[in-house]
Amino acid sequence: MDTGDVFDPQCPTRVVLDRIGDKWSMLVLLSLRDGPMRFTQLRTRIGGVTPKVLTQTLRAMEQDGLLTRKVFAEVPPRVEYTLTDLGRSLHGPLSVVAEWAERHVSEILRCREKFS
């Protein structure tokens, strides 16, 4: 198994960091942890994301192997998004980051006020 070096500017690992460090990708991953969701459910759960940005995020995450998109032959068409094993493997690390952010948001906001 090849490993990367995040401190090497030429290493593709930085592309991975861009994906998982993106707020929309992180929120999609956290939203899908309990199972499949439809586009509208994801958009409602995440809040504040435009349909265009969510579509771009979901496509990129599918291309990266983090989720799958399943289209059901129904009228109207139904599409569900589900985490892959690779996507699920990010649940632990991203949950820790999300919990840290929730725990420290007040302190961060207080620090920002000092510079306003």
PDB file of N, CA and C in Angstrom:
ATOM      1  N   MET A   1       0.837  -1.182   0.000  1.00  0.00           N
ATOM      2  CA  MET A   1       0.000   0.000   0.000  1.00  0.00           C
ATOM      3  C   MET A   1       0.882   1.246   0.000  1.00  0.00           C
ATOM      4  N   ASP A   2       0.664   2.123  -0.945  1.00  0.00           N
ATOM      5  CA  ASP A   2       1.403   3.375  -1.014  1.00  0.00           C
ATOM      6  C   ASP A   2       0.790   4.379  -0.053  1.00  0.00           C
ATOM      7  N   THR A   3       1.649   5.135   0.587  1.00  0.00           N
ATOM      8  CA  THR A   3       1.162   6.217   1.441  1.00  0.00           C
ATOM      9  C   THR A   3       1.693   7.527   0.885  1.00  0.00           C
ATOM     10  N   GLY A   4       1.031   8.572   1.242  1.00  0.00           N
ATOM     11  CA  GLY A   4       1.417   9.889   0.758  1.00  0.00           C
ATOM     12  C   GLY A   4       2.172  10.665   1.808  1.00  0.00           C
ATOM     13  N   ASP A   5       2.538  11.862   1.429  1.00  0.00           N
ATOM     14  CA  ASP A   5       3.224  12.785   2.326  1.00  0.00           C
ATOM     15  C   ASP A   5       2.521  14.132   2.203  1.00  0.00           C
ATOM     16  N   VAL A   6       1.715  14.469   3.186  1.00  0.00           N
ATOM     17  CA  VAL A   6       0.919  15.700   3.117  1.00  0.00           C
ATOM     18  C   VAL A   6       1.769  16.960   3.063  1.00  0.00           C
ATOM     19  N   PHE A   7       3.031  16.857   3.429  1.00  0.00           N
ATOM     20  CA  PHE A   7       3.908  18.032   3.404  1.00  0.00           C
ATOM     21  C   PHE A   7       4.652  18.182   2.079  1.00  0.00           C
ATOM     22  N   ASP A   8       4.463  17.234   1.176  1.00  0.00           N
ATOM     23  CA  ASP A   8       5.048  17.322  -0.159  1.00  0.00           C
ATOM     24  C   ASP A   8       4.052  18.032  -1.065  1.00  0.00           C
ATOM     25  N   PRO A   9       4.392  19.233  -1.574  1.00  0.00           N
ATOM     26  CA  PRO A   9       3.452  19.988  -2.399  1.00  0.00           C
ATOM     27  C   PRO A   9       3.012  19.244  -3.660  1.00  0.00           C
ATOM     28  N   GLN A  10       3.782  18.271  -4.109  1.00  0.00           N
ATOM     29  CA  GLN A  10       3.450  17.511  -5.316  1.00  0.00           C
ATOM     30  C   GLN A  10       2.633  16.254  -5.017  1.00  0.00           C
ATOM     31  N   CYS A  11       2.402  15.973  -3.759  1.00  0.00           N
ATOM     32  CA  CYS A  11       1.708  14.736  -3.370  1.00  0.00           C
ATOM     33  C   CYS A  11       0.193  14.872  -3.553  1.00  0.00           C
ATOM     34  N   PRO A  12      -0.428  13.876  -4.189  1.00  0.00           N
ATOM     35  CA  PRO A  12      -1.884  13.917  -4.383  1.00  0.00           C
ATOM     36  C   PRO A  12      -2.677  13.852  -3.072  1.00  0.00           C
ATOM     37  N   THR A  13      -2.001  13.575  -1.975  1.00  0.00           N
ATOM     38  CA  THR A  13      -2.674  13.565  -0.673  1.00  0.00           C
ATOM     39  C   THR A  13      -3.361  14.896  -0.419  1.00  0.00           C
ATOM     40  N   ARG A  14      -2.819  15.956  -0.943  1.00  0.00           N
ATOM     41  CA  ARG A  14      -3.421  17.276  -0.737  1.00  0.00           C
ATOM     42  C   ARG A  14      -4.793  17.379  -1.382  1.00  0.00           C
ATOM     43  N   VAL A  15      -5.013  16.652  -2.466  1.00  0.00           N
ATOM     44  CA  VAL A  15      -6.331  16.624  -3.098  1.00  0.00           C
ATOM     45  C   VAL A  15      -7.336  15.972  -2.147  1.00  0.00           C
ATOM     46  N   VAL A  16      -6.881  14.922  -1.476  1.00  0.00           N
ATOM     47  CA  VAL A  16      -7.740  14.247  -0.495  1.00  0.00           C
ATOM     48  C   VAL A  16      -8.070  15.199   0.654  1.00  0.00           C
ATOM     49  N   LEU A  17      -7.074  15.923   1.126  1.00  0.00           N
ATOM     50  CA  LEU A  17      -7.318  16.886   2.205  1.00  0.00           C
ATOM     51  C   LEU A  17      -8.282  17.979   1.774  1.00  0.00           C
ATOM     52  N   ASP A  18      -8.169  18.409   0.522  1.00  0.00           N
ATOM     53  CA  ASP A  18      -9.120  19.403   0.004  1.00  0.00           C
ATOM     54  C   ASP A  18     -10.544  18.865   0.068  1.00  0.00           C
ATOM     55  N   ARG A  19     -10.724  17.608  -0.297  1.00  0.00           N
ATOM     56  CA  ARG A  19     -12.062  17.015  -0.314  1.00  0.00           C
ATOM     57  C   ARG A  19     -12.618  16.902   1.105  1.00  0.00           C
ATOM     58  N   ILE A  20     -11.873  16.272   2.000  1.00  0.00           N
ATOM     59  CA  ILE A  20     -12.432  16.036   3.337  1.00  0.00           C
ATOM     60  C   ILE A  20     -12.427  17.295   4.189  1.00  0.00           C
ATOM     61  N   GLY A  21     -11.604  18.291   3.808  1.00  0.00           N
ATOM     62  CA  GLY A  21     -11.584  19.559   4.536  1.00  0.00           C
ATOM     63  C   GLY A  21     -12.653  20.535   4.072  1.00  0.00           C
ATOM     64  N   ASP A  22     -13.309  20.218   2.970  1.00  0.00           N
ATOM     65  CA  ASP A  22     -14.380  21.067   2.453  1.00  0.00           C
ATOM     66  C   ASP A  22     -15.598  20.946   3.369  1.00  0.00           C
ATOM     67  N   LYS A  23     -16.155  22.082   3.783  1.00  0.00           N
ATOM     68  CA  LYS A  23     -17.262  22.030   4.748  1.00  0.00           C
ATOM     69  C   LYS A  23     -18.461  21.265   4.208  1.00  0.00           C
ATOM     70  N   TRP A  24     -18.759  21.409   2.911  1.00  0.00           N
ATOM     71  CA  TRP A  24     -19.934  20.720   2.377  1.00  0.00           C
ATOM     72  C   TRP A  24     -19.712  19.216   2.346  1.00  0.00           C
ATOM     73  N   SER A  25     -18.516  18.793   1.965  1.00  0.00           N
ATOM     74  CA  SER A  25     -18.214  17.351   1.960  1.00  0.00           C
ATOM     75  C   SER A  25     -18.323  16.777   3.362  1.00  0.00           C
ATOM     76  N   MET A  26     -17.781  17.509   4.319  1.00  0.00           N
ATOM     77  CA  MET A  26     -17.836  17.047   5.703  1.00  0.00           C
ATOM     78  C   MET A  26     -19.284  16.914   6.182  1.00  0.00           C
ATOM     79  N   LEU A  27     -20.112  17.906   5.855  1.00  0.00           N
ATOM     80  CA  LEU A  27     -21.507  17.858   6.288  1.00  0.00           C
ATOM     81  C   LEU A  27     -22.284  16.755   5.588  1.00  0.00           C
ATOM     82  N   VAL A  28     -21.968  16.484   4.322  1.00  0.00           N
ATOM     83  CA  VAL A  28     -22.605  15.365   3.609  1.00  0.00           C
ATOM     84  C   VAL A  28     -22.209  14.050   4.278  1.00  0.00           C
ATOM     85  N   LEU A  29     -20.923  13.877   4.548  1.00  0.00           N
ATOM     86  CA  LEU A  29     -20.462  12.645   5.195  1.00  0.00           C
ATOM     87  C   LEU A  29     -21.129  12.437   6.553  1.00  0.00           C
ATOM     88  N   LEU A  30     -21.215  13.483   7.335  1.00  0.00           N
ATOM     89  CA  LEU A  30     -21.846  13.370   8.650  1.00  0.00           C
ATOM     90  C   LEU A  30     -23.348  13.112   8.526  1.00  0.00           C
ATOM     91  N   SER A  31     -23.989  13.689   7.518  1.00  0.00           N
ATOM     92  CA  SER A  31     -25.427  13.497   7.319  1.00  0.00           C
ATOM     93  C   SER A  31     -25.758  12.070   6.910  1.00  0.00           C
ATOM     94  N   LEU A  32     -24.877  11.460   6.120  1.00  0.00           N
ATOM     95  CA  LEU A  32     -25.146  10.113   5.611  1.00  0.00           C
ATOM     96  C   LEU A  32     -24.718   8.995   6.560  1.00  0.00           C
ATOM     97  N   ARG A  33     -24.209   9.342   7.712  1.00  0.00           N
ATOM     98  CA  ARG A  33     -23.707   8.306   8.628  1.00  0.00           C
ATOM     99  C   ARG A  33     -24.789   7.341   9.099  1.00  0.00           C
ATOM    100  N   ASP A  34     -26.040   7.804   9.139  1.00  0.00           N
ATOM    101  CA  ASP A  34     -27.123   6.940   9.627  1.00  0.00           C
ATOM    102  C   ASP A  34     -27.837   6.187   8.513  1.00  0.00           C
ATOM    103  N   GLY A  35     -27.378   6.368   7.271  1.00  0.00           N
ATOM    104  CA  GLY A  35     -27.980   5.632   6.173  1.00  0.00           C
ATOM    105  C   GLY A  35     -28.269   6.508   4.974  1.00  0.00           C
ATOM    106  N   PRO A  36     -28.846   5.892   3.926  1.00  0.00           N
ATOM    107  CA  PRO A  36     -29.100   6.591   2.666  1.00  0.00           C
ATOM    108  C   PRO A  36     -30.029   7.785   2.830  1.00  0.00           C
ATOM    109  N   MET A  37     -29.803   8.787   1.985  1.00  0.00           N
ATOM    110  CA  MET A  37     -30.665   9.969   1.965  1.00  0.00           C
ATOM    111  C   MET A  37     -30.853  10.415   0.528  1.00  0.00           C
ATOM    112  N   ARG A  38     -31.985  11.050   0.288  1.00  0.00           N
ATOM    113  CA  ARG A  38     -32.255  11.651  -1.007  1.00  0.00           C
ATOM    114  C   ARG A  38     -31.681  13.068  -1.017  1.00  0.00           C
ATOM    115  N   PHE A  39     -31.576  13.633  -2.224  1.00  0.00           N
ATOM    116  CA  PHE A  39     -30.990  14.962  -2.405  1.00  0.00           C
ATOM    117  C   PHE A  39     -31.676  16.002  -1.520  1.00  0.00           C
ATOM    118  N   THR A  40     -33.001  16.042  -1.574  1.00  0.00           N
ATOM    119  CA  THR A  40     -33.747  17.045  -0.803  1.00  0.00           C
ATOM    120  C   THR A  40     -33.553  16.855   0.695  1.00  0.00           C
ATOM    121  N   GLN A  41     -33.489  15.609   1.133  1.00  0.00           N
ATOM    122  CA  GLN A  41     -33.239  15.345   2.546  1.00  0.00           C
ATOM    123  C   GLN A  41     -31.867  15.870   2.962  1.00  0.00           C
ATOM    124  N   LEU A  42     -30.873  15.610   2.110  1.00  0.00           N
ATOM    125  CA  LEU A  42     -29.521  16.111   2.401  1.00  0.00           C
ATOM    126  C   LEU A  42     -29.500  17.630   2.458  1.00  0.00           C
ATOM    127  N   ARG A  43     -30.118  18.245   1.481  1.00  0.00           N
ATOM    128  CA  ARG A  43     -30.121  19.715   1.412  1.00  0.00           C
ATOM    129  C   ARG A  43     -30.803  20.312   2.648  1.00  0.00           C
ATOM    130  N   THR A  44     -31.906  19.705   3.072  1.00  0.00           N
ATOM    131  CA  THR A  44     -32.622  20.170   4.259  1.00  0.00           C
ATOM    132  C   THR A  44     -31.773  19.959   5.508  1.00  0.00           C
ATOM    133  N   ARG A  45     -31.166  18.786   5.624  1.00  0.00           N
ATOM    134  CA  ARG A  45     -30.358  18.442   6.807  1.00  0.00           C
ATOM    135  C   ARG A  45     -29.160  19.374   6.939  1.00  0.00           C
ATOM    136  N   ILE A  46     -28.494  19.650   5.808  1.00  0.00           N
ATOM    137  CA  ILE A  46     -27.291  20.473   5.825  1.00  0.00           C
ATOM    138  C   ILE A  46     -27.637  21.948   6.007  1.00  0.00           C
ATOM    139  N   GLY A  47     -28.616  22.431   5.265  1.00  0.00           N
ATOM    140  CA  GLY A  47     -29.017  23.830   5.377  1.00  0.00           C
ATOM    141  C   GLY A  47     -27.970  24.781   4.818  1.00  0.00           C
ATOM    142  N   GLY A  48     -28.421  25.799   4.096  1.00  0.00           N
ATOM    143  CA  GLY A  48     -27.532  26.835   3.612  1.00  0.00           C
ATOM    144  C   GLY A  48     -26.729  26.494   2.372  1.00  0.00           C
ATOM    145  N   VAL A  49     -26.919  25.321   1.809  1.00  0.00           N
ATOM    146  CA  VAL A  49     -26.182  24.931   0.610  1.00  0.00           C
ATOM    147  C   VAL A  49     -27.102  25.049  -0.602  1.00  0.00           C
ATOM    148  N   THR A  50     -26.601  25.630  -1.686  1.00  0.00           N
ATOM    149  CA  THR A  50     -27.404  25.760  -2.899  1.00  0.00           C
ATOM    150  C   THR A  50     -27.472  24.402  -3.602  1.00  0.00           C
ATOM    151  N   PRO A  51     -28.525  24.182  -4.395  1.00  0.00           N
ATOM    152  CA  PRO A  51     -28.609  22.924  -5.140  1.00  0.00           C
ATOM    153  C   PRO A  51     -27.386  22.688  -6.035  1.00  0.00           C
ATOM    154  N   LYS A  52     -26.893  23.751  -6.669  1.00  0.00           N
ATOM    155  CA  LYS A  52     -25.730  23.621  -7.557  1.00  0.00           C
ATOM    156  C   LYS A  52     -24.493  23.141  -6.793  1.00  0.00           C
ATOM    157  N   VAL A  53     -24.233  23.748  -5.658  1.00  0.00           N
ATOM    158  CA  VAL A  53     -23.058  23.392  -4.860  1.00  0.00           C
ATOM    159  C   VAL A  53     -23.206  21.976  -4.300  1.00  0.00           C
ATOM    160  N   LEU A  54     -24.395  21.630  -3.847  1.00  0.00           N
ATOM    161  CA  LEU A  54     -24.605  20.280  -3.326  1.00  0.00           C
ATOM    162  C   LEU A  54     -24.416  19.247  -4.434  1.00  0.00           C
ATOM    163  N   THR A  55     -24.938  19.520  -5.620  1.00  0.00           N
ATOM    164  CA  THR A  55     -24.763  18.611  -6.755  1.00  0.00           C
ATOM    165  C   THR A  55     -23.278  18.442  -7.079  1.00  0.00           C
ATOM    166  N   GLN A  56     -22.534  19.536  -7.124  1.00  0.00           N
ATOM    167  CA  GLN A  56     -21.096  19.467  -7.411  1.00  0.00           C
ATOM    168  C   GLN A  56     -20.363  18.667  -6.337  1.00  0.00           C
ATOM    169  N   THR A  57     -20.742  18.883  -5.087  1.00  0.00           N
ATOM    170  CA  THR A  57     -20.113  18.179  -3.969  1.00  0.00           C
ATOM    171  C   THR A  57     -20.391  16.687  -4.057  1.00  0.00           C
ATOM    172  N   LEU A  58     -21.651  16.325  -4.301  1.00  0.00           N
ATOM    173  CA  LEU A  58     -22.022  14.911  -4.381  1.00  0.00           C
ATOM    174  C   LEU A  58     -21.308  14.219  -5.549  1.00  0.00           C
ATOM    175  N   ARG A  59     -21.226  14.885  -6.682  1.00  0.00           N
ATOM    176  CA  ARG A  59     -20.523  14.303  -7.842  1.00  0.00           C
ATOM    177  C   ARG A  59     -19.043  14.074  -7.528  1.00  0.00           C
ATOM    178  N   ALA A  60     -18.411  15.061  -6.925  1.00  0.00           N
ATOM    179  CA  ALA A  60     -16.992  14.933  -6.584  1.00  0.00           C
ATOM    180  C   ALA A  60     -16.768  13.818  -5.574  1.00  0.00           C
ATOM    181  N   MET A  61     -17.661  13.717  -4.600  1.00  0.00           N
ATOM    182  CA  MET A  61     -17.526  12.672  -3.590  1.00  0.00           C
ATOM    183  C   MET A  61     -17.756  11.289  -4.189  1.00  0.00           C
ATOM    184  N   GLU A  62     -18.649  11.194  -5.148  1.00  0.00           N
ATOM    185  CA  GLU A  62     -18.882   9.925  -5.843  1.00  0.00           C
ATOM    186  C   GLU A  62     -17.630   9.555  -6.648  1.00  0.00           C
ATOM    187  N   GLN A  63     -17.052  10.516  -7.341  1.00  0.00           N
ATOM    188  CA  GLN A  63     -15.831  10.270  -8.120  1.00  0.00           C
ATOM    189  C   GLN A  63     -14.670   9.850  -7.223  1.00  0.00           C
ATOM    190  N   ASP A  64     -14.635  10.360  -6.000  1.00  0.00           N
ATOM    191  CA  ASP A  64     -13.577  10.013  -5.044  1.00  0.00           C
ATOM    192  C   ASP A  64     -13.848   8.691  -4.331  1.00  0.00           C
ATOM    193  N   GLY A  65     -15.003   8.084  -4.596  1.00  0.00           N
ATOM    194  CA  GLY A  65     -15.324   6.798  -3.980  1.00  0.00           C
ATOM    195  C   GLY A  65     -15.836   6.890  -2.563  1.00  0.00           C
ATOM    196  N   LEU A  66     -16.305   8.074  -2.152  1.00  0.00           N
ATOM    197  CA  LEU A  66     -16.790   8.256  -0.784  1.00  0.00           C
ATOM    198  C   LEU A  66     -18.273   7.937  -0.631  1.00  0.00           C
ATOM    199  N   LEU A  67     -19.019   8.017  -1.734  1.00  0.00           N
ATOM    200  CA  LEU A  67     -20.439   7.689  -1.682  1.00  0.00           C
ATOM    201  C   LEU A  67     -20.877   7.088  -3.008  1.00  0.00           C
ATOM    202  N   THR A  68     -22.036   6.472  -2.970  1.00  0.00           N
ATOM    203  CA  THR A  68     -22.640   5.934  -4.193  1.00  0.00           C
ATOM    204  C   THR A  68     -23.974   6.632  -4.412  1.00  0.00           C
ATOM    205  N   ARG A  69     -24.345   6.687  -5.669  1.00  0.00           N
ATOM    206  CA  ARG A  69     -25.606   7.308  -6.095  1.00  0.00           C
ATOM    207  C   ARG A  69     -26.423   6.207  -6.754  1.00  0.00           C
ATOM    208  N   LYS A  70     -27.600   5.946  -6.210  1.00  0.00           N
ATOM    209  CA  LYS A  70     -28.459   4.901  -6.756  1.00  0.00           C
ATOM    210  C   LYS A  70     -29.740   5.538  -7.287  1.00  0.00           C
ATOM    211  N   VAL A  71     -30.013   5.292  -8.568  1.00  0.00           N
ATOM    212  CA  VAL A  71     -31.212   5.830  -9.218  1.00  0.00           C
ATOM    213  C   VAL A  71     -32.240   4.713  -9.290  1.00  0.00           C
ATOM    214  N   PHE A  72     -33.445   4.981  -8.798  1.00  0.00           N
ATOM    215  CA  PHE A  72     -34.542   4.021  -8.839  1.00  0.00           C
ATOM    216  C   PHE A  72     -35.436   4.339 -10.030  1.00  0.00           C
ATOM    217  N   ALA A  73     -35.822   3.316 -10.758  1.00  0.00           N
ATOM    218  CA  ALA A  73     -36.670   3.485 -11.949  1.00  0.00           C
ATOM    219  C   ALA A  73     -38.114   3.688 -11.509  1.00  0.00           C
ATOM    220  N   GLU A  74     -38.400   4.895 -11.083  1.00  0.00           N
ATOM    221  CA  GLU A  74     -39.732   5.268 -10.613  1.00  0.00           C
ATOM    222  C   GLU A  74     -40.129   6.584 -11.265  1.00  0.00           C
ATOM    223  N   VAL A  75     -41.397   6.889 -11.212  1.00  0.00           N
ATOM    224  CA  VAL A  75     -41.887   8.181 -11.706  1.00  0.00           C
ATOM    225  C   VAL A  75     -42.544   8.887 -10.525  1.00  0.00           C
ATOM    226  N   PRO A  76     -42.022  10.032 -10.104  1.00  0.00           N
ATOM    227  CA  PRO A  76     -40.787  10.670 -10.561  1.00  0.00           C
ATOM    228  C   PRO A  76     -39.561   9.865 -10.111  1.00  0.00           C
ATOM    229  N   PRO A  77     -38.417  10.058 -10.794  1.00  0.00           N
ATOM    230  CA  PRO A  77     -37.210   9.318 -10.443  1.00  0.00           C
ATOM    231  C   PRO A  77     -36.795   9.585  -8.996  1.00  0.00           C
ATOM    232  N   ARG A  78     -36.288   8.552  -8.373  1.00  0.00           N
ATOM    233  CA  ARG A  78     -35.806   8.674  -6.990  1.00  0.00           C
ATOM    234  C   ARG A  78     -34.318   8.342  -6.988  1.00  0.00           C
ATOM    235  N   VAL A  79     -33.546   9.189  -6.333  1.00  0.00           N
ATOM    236  CA  VAL A  79     -32.101   8.994  -6.231  1.00  0.00           C
ATOM    237  C   VAL A  79     -31.724   9.005  -4.758  1.00  0.00           C
ATOM    238  N   GLU A  80     -30.917   8.022  -4.356  1.00  0.00           N
ATOM    239  CA  GLU A  80     -30.433   7.972  -2.983  1.00  0.00           C
ATOM    240  C   GLU A  80     -28.910   7.957  -2.968  1.00  0.00           C
ATOM    241  N   TYR A  81     -28.368   8.589  -1.945  1.00  0.00           N
ATOM    242  CA  TYR A  81     -26.925   8.635  -1.747  1.00  0.00           C
ATOM    243  C   TYR A  81     -26.586   7.851  -0.496  1.00  0.00           C
ATOM    244  N   THR A  82     -25.539   7.033  -0.592  1.00  0.00           N
ATOM    245  CA  THR A  82     -25.114   6.176   0.504  1.00  0.00           C
ATOM    246  C   THR A  82     -23.599   6.224   0.619  1.00  0.00           C
ATOM    247  N   LEU A  83     -23.090   6.219   1.827  1.00  0.00           N
ATOM    248  CA  LEU A  83     -21.642   6.176   2.013  1.00  0.00           C
ATOM    249  C   LEU A  83     -21.093   4.814   1.612  1.00  0.00           C
ATOM    250  N   THR A  84     -19.928   4.818   1.012  1.00  0.00           N
ATOM    251  CA  THR A  84     -19.198   3.587   0.743  1.00  0.00           C
ATOM    252  C   THR A  84     -18.421   3.224   2.012  1.00  0.00           C
ATOM    253  N   ASP A  85     -17.747   2.083   1.991  1.00  0.00           N
ATOM    254  CA  ASP A  85     -16.896   1.726   3.129  1.00  0.00           C
ATOM    255  C   ASP A  85     -15.825   2.790   3.344  1.00  0.00           C
ATOM    256  N   LEU A  86     -15.279   3.299   2.243  1.00  0.00           N
ATOM    257  CA  LEU A  86     -14.271   4.355   2.338  1.00  0.00           C
ATOM    258  C   LEU A  86     -14.860   5.609   2.994  1.00  0.00           C
ATOM    259  N   GLY A  87     -16.060   5.997   2.583  1.00  0.00           N
ATOM    260  CA  GLY A  87     -16.730   7.146   3.179  1.00  0.00           C
ATOM    261  C   GLY A  87     -17.035   6.927   4.652  1.00  0.00           C
ATOM    262  N   ARG A  88     -17.499   5.718   4.981  1.00  0.00           N
ATOM    263  CA  ARG A  88     -17.798   5.402   6.390  1.00  0.00           C
ATOM    264  C   ARG A  88     -16.541   5.441   7.256  1.00  0.00           C
ATOM    265  N   SER A  89     -15.385   5.141   6.647  1.00  0.00           N
ATOM    266  CA  SER A  89     -14.137   5.149   7.424  1.00  0.00           C
ATOM    267  C   SER A  89     -13.776   6.553   7.906  1.00  0.00           C
ATOM    268  N   LEU A  90     -14.371   7.569   7.306  1.00  0.00           N
ATOM    269  CA  LEU A  90     -14.132   8.955   7.733  1.00  0.00           C
ATOM    270  C   LEU A  90     -15.046   9.390   8.876  1.00  0.00           C
ATOM    271  N   HIS A  91     -16.047   8.589   9.194  1.00  0.00           N
ATOM    272  CA  HIS A  91     -17.017   8.984  10.224  1.00  0.00           C
ATOM    273  C   HIS A  91     -16.342   9.317  11.549  1.00  0.00           C
ATOM    274  N   GLY A  92     -15.470   8.452  12.018  1.00  0.00           N
ATOM    275  CA  GLY A  92     -14.799   8.683  13.309  1.00  0.00           C
ATOM    276  C   GLY A  92     -14.001   9.971  13.337  1.00  0.00           C
ATOM    277  N   PRO A  93     -13.046  10.121  12.415  1.00  0.00           N
ATOM    278  CA  PRO A  93     -12.245  11.357  12.439  1.00  0.00           C
ATOM    279  C   PRO A  93     -13.076  12.631  12.260  1.00  0.00           C
ATOM    280  N   LEU A  94     -14.049  12.614  11.351  1.00  0.00           N
ATOM    281  CA  LEU A  94     -14.844  13.826  11.121  1.00  0.00           C
ATOM    282  C   LEU A  94     -15.785  14.113  12.287  1.00  0.00           C
ATOM    283  N   SER A  95     -16.277  13.079  12.939  1.00  0.00           N
ATOM    284  CA  SER A  95     -17.127  13.285  14.118  1.00  0.00           C
ATOM    285  C   SER A  95     -16.347  13.983  15.223  1.00  0.00           C
ATOM    286  N   VAL A  96     -15.091  13.599  15.389  1.00  0.00           N
ATOM    287  CA  VAL A  96     -14.239  14.239  16.404  1.00  0.00           C
ATOM    288  C   VAL A  96     -14.061  15.724  16.076  1.00  0.00           C
ATOM    289  N   VAL A  97     -13.812  16.038  14.807  1.00  0.00           N
ATOM    290  CA  VAL A  97     -13.646  17.439  14.400  1.00  0.00           C
ATOM    291  C   VAL A  97     -14.943  18.218  14.620  1.00  0.00           C
ATOM    292  N   ALA A  98     -16.078  17.618  14.237  1.00  0.00           N
ATOM    293  CA  ALA A  98     -17.374  18.284  14.413  1.00  0.00           C
ATOM    294  C   ALA A  98     -17.673  18.533  15.891  1.00  0.00           C
ATOM    295  N   GLU A  99     -17.398  17.544  16.724  1.00  0.00           N
ATOM    296  CA  GLU A  99     -17.626  17.708  18.172  1.00  0.00           C
ATOM    297  C   GLU A  99     -16.717  18.798  18.741  1.00  0.00           C
ATOM    298  N   TRP A 100     -15.457  18.828  18.276  1.00  0.00           N
ATOM    299  CA  TRP A 100     -14.537  19.868  18.736  1.00  0.00           C
ATOM    300  C   TRP A 100     -15.082  21.242  18.350  1.00  0.00           C
ATOM    301  N   ALA A 101     -15.539  21.388  17.111  1.00  0.00           N
ATOM    302  CA  ALA A 101     -16.071  22.675  16.631  1.00  0.00           C
ATOM    303  C   ALA A 101     -17.275  23.105  17.460  1.00  0.00           C
ATOM    304  N   GLU A 102     -18.166  22.179  17.750  1.00  0.00           N
ATOM    305  CA  GLU A 102     -19.354  22.501  18.551  1.00  0.00           C
ATOM    306  C   GLU A 102     -18.972  22.897  19.975  1.00  0.00           C
ATOM    307  N   ARG A 103     -17.964  22.225  20.516  1.00  0.00           N
ATOM    308  CA  ARG A 103     -17.543  22.502  21.887  1.00  0.00           C
ATOM    309  C   ARG A 103     -16.818  23.852  22.005  1.00  0.00           C
ATOM    310  N   HIS A 104     -16.113  24.265  20.950  1.00  0.00           N
ATOM    311  CA  HIS A 104     -15.260  25.454  21.049  1.00  0.00           C
ATOM    312  C   HIS A 104     -15.746  26.659  20.247  1.00  0.00           C
ATOM    313  N   VAL A 105     -16.928  26.580  19.659  1.00  0.00           N
ATOM    314  CA  VAL A 105     -17.408  27.678  18.813  1.00  0.00           C
ATOM    315  C   VAL A 105     -17.504  28.990  19.581  1.00  0.00           C
ATOM    316  N   SER A 106     -17.957  28.967  20.808  1.00  0.00           N
ATOM    317  CA  SER A 106     -18.086  30.212  21.586  1.00  0.00           C
ATOM    318  C   SER A 106     -16.730  30.872  21.800  1.00  0.00           C
ATOM    319  N   GLU A 107     -15.744  30.078  22.129  1.00  0.00           N
ATOM    320  CA  GLU A 107     -14.403  30.616  22.364  1.00  0.00           C
ATOM    321  C   GLU A 107     -13.811  31.202  21.076  1.00  0.00           C
ATOM    322  N   ILE A 108     -14.001  30.515  19.972  1.00  0.00           N
ATOM    323  CA  ILE A 108     -13.501  31.001  18.680  1.00  0.00           C
ATOM    324  C   ILE A 108     -14.167  32.334  18.330  1.00  0.00           C
ATOM    325  N   LEU A 109     -15.482  32.402  18.514  1.00  0.00           N
ATOM    326  CA  LEU A 109     -16.211  33.643  18.204  1.00  0.00           C
ATOM    327  C   LEU A 109     -15.755  34.795  19.098  1.00  0.00           C
ATOM    328  N   ARG A 110     -15.504  34.516  20.383  1.00  0.00           N
ATOM    329  CA  ARG A 110     -14.996  35.551  21.293  1.00  0.00           C
ATOM    330  C   ARG A 110     -13.634  36.056  20.821  1.00  0.00           C
ATOM    331  N   CYS A 111     -12.781  35.161  20.396  1.00  0.00           N
ATOM    332  CA  CYS A 111     -11.440  35.554  19.912  1.00  0.00           C
ATOM    333  C   CYS A 111     -11.559  36.406  18.649  1.00  0.00           C
ATOM    334  N   ARG A 112     -12.479  36.046  17.757  1.00  0.00           N
ATOM    335  CA  ARG A 112     -12.672  36.809  16.528  1.00  0.00           C
ATOM    336  C   ARG A 112     -13.141  38.222  16.822  1.00  0.00           C
ATOM    337  N   GLU A 113     -13.984  38.376  17.844  1.00  0.00           N
ATOM    338  CA  GLU A 113     -14.500  39.703  18.192  1.00  0.00           C
ATOM    339  C   GLU A 113     -13.370  40.658  18.565  1.00  0.00           C
ATOM    340  N   LYS A 114     -12.304  40.141  19.094  1.00  0.00           N
ATOM    341  CA  LYS A 114     -11.165  40.982  19.485  1.00  0.00           C
ATOM    342  C   LYS A 114     -10.538  41.665  18.270  1.00  0.00           C
ATOM    343  N   PHE A 115     -10.709  41.095  17.085  1.00  0.00           N
ATOM    344  CA  PHE A 115     -10.085  41.638  15.884  1.00  0.00           C
ATOM    345  C   PHE A 115     -11.076  42.416  15.016  1.00  0.00           C
ATOM    346  N   SER A 116     -12.311  42.494  15.458  1.00  0.00           N
ATOM    347  CA  SER A 116     -13.326  43.227  14.673  1.00  0.00           C
ATOM    348  C   SER A 116     -13.292  44.711  14.935  1.00  0.00           C
TER     349      SER A 116
END
